[in-house]
Amino acid sequence: MRTMPPRDMLTLWARDSISVEMMVGHILQNLTKLQATVEADRRKVHQLQFTLESLISKVRIPQKTSRGNKSHKD
């Protein structure tokens, strides 16, 4: 059984063309699908944060001397 988009569900509900039991079933399917999407997105965000933090830690910012000039090797 495929998930029915909420707009289609509302249309059928307005026409009184779907039973309460079927509506609840479709709502649960959509909720499960949304939850899986949110969890996958959350994992992607955490992975991107980890990657970004790793890249930032590899970047070396030139240190300044006590006079405020950038130090460099001669």
N, C-alpha and C. Protein backbone atom coordinates (compact mmCIF):
# COMPACT_ATOMS: atom_id res chain seq x y z
N MET A 1 0.85 -1.18 0.00
CA MET A 1 0.00 0.00 0.00
C MET A 1 0.89 1.24 0.00
N ARG A 2 0.64 2.15 -0.91
CA ARG A 2 1.43 3.38 -0.97
C ARG A 2 0.86 4.41 -0.01
N THR A 3 1.73 5.34 0.38
CA THR A 3 1.24 6.41 1.24
C THR A 3 0.48 7.42 0.39
N MET A 4 -0.60 7.89 0.93
CA MET A 4 -1.42 8.87 0.23
C MET A 4 -1.03 10.26 0.71
N PRO A 5 -0.79 11.18 -0.21
CA PRO A 5 -0.45 12.54 0.21
C PRO A 5 -1.59 13.17 1.02
N PRO A 6 -1.24 13.97 2.01
CA PRO A 6 -2.28 14.58 2.86
C PRO A 6 -3.35 15.35 2.08
N ARG A 7 -2.96 16.02 1.00
CA ARG A 7 -3.95 16.76 0.20
C ARG A 7 -5.01 15.82 -0.36
N ASP A 8 -4.56 14.65 -0.86
CA ASP A 8 -5.52 13.66 -1.39
C ASP A 8 -6.41 13.10 -0.27
N MET A 9 -5.80 12.89 0.89
CA MET A 9 -6.57 12.39 2.03
C MET A 9 -7.66 13.39 2.41
N LEU A 10 -7.32 14.66 2.44
CA LEU A 10 -8.28 15.69 2.80
C LEU A 10 -9.42 15.75 1.78
N THR A 11 -9.06 15.61 0.51
CA THR A 11 -10.09 15.63 -0.55
C THR A 11 -11.07 14.47 -0.36
N LEU A 12 -10.53 13.27 -0.14
CA LEU A 12 -11.40 12.11 0.08
C LEU A 12 -12.24 12.26 1.34
N TRP A 13 -11.63 12.82 2.38
CA TRP A 13 -12.35 13.04 3.64
C TRP A 13 -13.49 14.02 3.44
N ALA A 14 -13.23 15.08 2.69
CA ALA A 14 -14.27 16.09 2.43
C ALA A 14 -15.42 15.50 1.63
N ARG A 15 -15.13 14.55 0.75
CA ARG A 15 -16.16 13.89 -0.07
C ARG A 15 -16.83 12.73 0.67
N ASP A 16 -16.34 12.46 1.88
CA ASP A 16 -16.84 11.33 2.66
C ASP A 16 -16.61 10.03 1.90
N SER A 17 -15.43 9.94 1.25
CA SER A 17 -15.10 8.78 0.43
C SER A 17 -14.05 7.86 1.06
N ILE A 18 -13.73 8.10 2.33
CA ILE A 18 -12.73 7.27 2.99
C ILE A 18 -13.19 7.03 4.43
N SER A 19 -12.99 5.80 4.89
CA SER A 19 -13.42 5.48 6.26
C SER A 19 -12.41 6.02 7.26
N VAL A 20 -12.85 6.11 8.49
CA VAL A 20 -11.98 6.59 9.56
C VAL A 20 -10.78 5.65 9.70
N GLU A 21 -11.02 4.36 9.62
CA GLU A 21 -9.95 3.38 9.76
C GLU A 21 -8.89 3.55 8.66
N MET A 22 -9.34 3.74 7.44
CA MET A 22 -8.40 3.93 6.32
C MET A 22 -7.63 5.24 6.50
N MET A 23 -8.34 6.28 6.95
CA MET A 23 -7.69 7.57 7.16
C MET A 23 -6.59 7.45 8.22
N VAL A 24 -6.90 6.77 9.32
CA VAL A 24 -5.91 6.59 10.38
C VAL A 24 -4.72 5.80 9.86
N GLY A 25 -4.98 4.78 9.07
CA GLY A 25 -3.89 3.99 8.48
C GLY A 25 -2.98 4.85 7.62
N HIS A 26 -3.56 5.68 6.78
CA HIS A 26 -2.76 6.56 5.92
C HIS A 26 -2.01 7.61 6.74
N ILE A 27 -2.64 8.13 7.77
CA ILE A 27 -1.97 9.10 8.64
C ILE A 27 -0.75 8.45 9.30
N LEU A 28 -0.90 7.22 9.79
CA LEU A 28 0.23 6.52 10.41
C LEU A 28 1.34 6.25 9.41
N GLN A 29 0.98 5.90 8.19
CA GLN A 29 2.01 5.68 7.15
C GLN A 29 2.77 6.97 6.87
N ASN A 30 2.05 8.07 6.75
CA ASN A 30 2.69 9.36 6.49
C ASN A 30 3.56 9.78 7.68
N LEU A 31 3.09 9.56 8.89
CA LEU A 31 3.85 9.91 10.07
C LEU A 31 5.15 9.10 10.13
N THR A 32 5.07 7.82 9.85
CA THR A 32 6.25 6.96 9.83
C THR A 32 7.25 7.42 8.78
N LYS A 33 6.74 7.77 7.61
CA LYS A 33 7.60 8.25 6.52
C LYS A 33 8.28 9.57 6.92
N LEU A 34 7.53 10.48 7.52
CA LEU A 34 8.10 11.75 7.98
C LEU A 34 9.15 11.55 9.06
N GLN A 35 8.89 10.64 9.98
CA GLN A 35 9.84 10.38 11.05
C GLN A 35 11.15 9.83 10.48
N ALA A 36 11.06 8.93 9.52
CA ALA A 36 12.26 8.37 8.89
C ALA A 36 13.05 9.47 8.18
N THR A 37 12.35 10.38 7.53
CA THR A 37 13.02 11.49 6.84
C THR A 37 13.72 12.40 7.83
N VAL A 38 13.06 12.74 8.92
CA VAL A 38 13.65 13.60 9.94
C VAL A 38 14.89 12.94 10.53
N GLU A 39 14.81 11.67 10.84
CA GLU A 39 15.96 10.96 11.42
C GLU A 39 17.13 10.91 10.44
N ALA A 40 16.85 10.67 9.16
CA ALA A 40 17.91 10.65 8.15
C ALA A 40 18.54 12.03 8.01
N ASP A 41 17.72 13.07 8.01
CA ASP A 41 18.24 14.44 7.92
C ASP A 41 19.09 14.77 9.15
N ARG A 42 18.66 14.34 10.31
CA ARG A 42 19.42 14.60 11.54
C ARG A 42 20.80 13.94 11.47
N ARG A 43 20.83 12.69 10.95
CA ARG A 43 22.12 12.00 10.80
C ARG A 43 23.02 12.75 9.82
N LYS A 44 22.45 13.26 8.73
CA LYS A 44 23.23 14.02 7.75
C LYS A 44 23.79 15.30 8.36
N VAL A 45 22.98 15.99 9.16
CA VAL A 45 23.44 17.22 9.81
C VAL A 45 24.59 16.92 10.76
N HIS A 46 24.48 15.87 11.56
CA HIS A 46 25.56 15.52 12.48
C HIS A 46 26.83 15.17 11.73
N GLN A 47 26.69 14.45 10.62
CA GLN A 47 27.86 14.10 9.82
C GLN A 47 28.50 15.36 9.22
N LEU A 48 27.68 16.27 8.73
CA LEU A 48 28.21 17.52 8.18
C LEU A 48 28.89 18.36 9.26
N GLN A 49 28.32 18.39 10.46
CA GLN A 49 28.95 19.12 11.57
C GLN A 49 30.30 18.51 11.90
N PHE A 50 30.37 17.19 11.95
CA PHE A 50 31.62 16.51 12.24
C PHE A 50 32.67 16.82 11.17
N THR A 51 32.26 16.75 9.90
CA THR A 51 33.17 17.04 8.80
C THR A 51 33.65 18.48 8.87
N LEU A 52 32.76 19.41 9.12
CA LEU A 52 33.13 20.82 9.21
C LEU A 52 34.11 21.05 10.36
N GLU A 53 33.83 20.49 11.52
CA GLU A 53 34.73 20.64 12.66
C GLU A 53 36.10 20.04 12.37
N SER A 54 36.13 18.92 11.67
CA SER A 54 37.40 18.30 11.30
C SER A 54 38.18 19.19 10.35
N LEU A 55 37.51 19.79 9.38
CA LEU A 55 38.18 20.68 8.43
C LEU A 55 38.69 21.94 9.13
N ILE A 56 37.89 22.48 10.02
CA ILE A 56 38.29 23.69 10.74
C ILE A 56 39.52 23.42 11.59
N SER A 57 39.57 22.26 12.22
CA SER A 57 40.71 21.94 13.08
C SER A 57 42.00 21.77 12.28
N LYS A 58 41.90 21.49 10.99
CA LYS A 58 43.09 21.32 10.14
C LYS A 58 43.62 22.64 9.60
N VAL A 59 42.82 23.68 9.66
CA VAL A 59 43.23 24.98 9.14
C VAL A 59 44.11 25.65 10.19
N ARG A 60 45.25 26.13 9.76
CA ARG A 60 46.15 26.81 10.69
C ARG A 60 46.07 28.31 10.44
N ILE A 61 45.76 29.05 11.49
CA ILE A 61 45.68 30.50 11.39
C ILE A 61 47.03 31.06 11.80
N PRO A 62 47.63 31.95 10.98
CA PRO A 62 48.93 32.52 11.33
C PRO A 62 48.88 33.21 12.69
N GLN A 63 49.90 32.97 13.50
CA GLN A 63 49.99 33.59 14.82
C GLN A 63 50.55 34.99 14.69
N LYS A 64 50.13 35.88 15.55
CA LYS A 64 50.65 37.25 15.56
C LYS A 64 51.76 37.36 16.60
N THR A 65 52.75 38.18 16.30
CA THR A 65 53.82 38.43 17.27
C THR A 65 53.32 39.47 18.26
N SER A 66 54.13 39.78 19.25
CA SER A 66 53.73 40.74 20.28
C SER A 66 53.51 42.14 19.70
N ARG A 67 54.11 42.43 18.54
CA ARG A 67 53.94 43.74 17.89
C ARG A 67 52.70 43.78 17.01
N GLY A 68 52.01 42.67 16.90
CA GLY A 68 50.82 42.66 16.09
C GLY A 68 51.06 42.29 14.64
N ASN A 69 52.32 42.07 14.26
CA ASN A 69 52.63 41.65 12.90
C ASN A 69 52.49 40.14 12.79
N LYS A 70 52.14 39.69 11.62
CA LYS A 70 52.07 38.26 11.40
C LYS A 70 53.48 37.70 11.43
N SER A 71 53.66 36.61 12.13
CA SER A 71 54.96 35.98 12.14
C SER A 71 55.10 35.13 10.89
N HIS A 72 56.28 35.07 10.38
CA HIS A 72 56.55 34.22 9.23
C HIS A 72 57.97 33.74 9.32
N LYS A 73 58.20 32.60 8.70
CA LYS A 73 59.54 32.02 8.75
C LYS A 73 60.42 32.73 7.74
N ASP A 74 61.66 33.07 8.16
CA ASP A 74 62.60 33.74 7.26
C ASP A 74 63.45 32.73 6.54
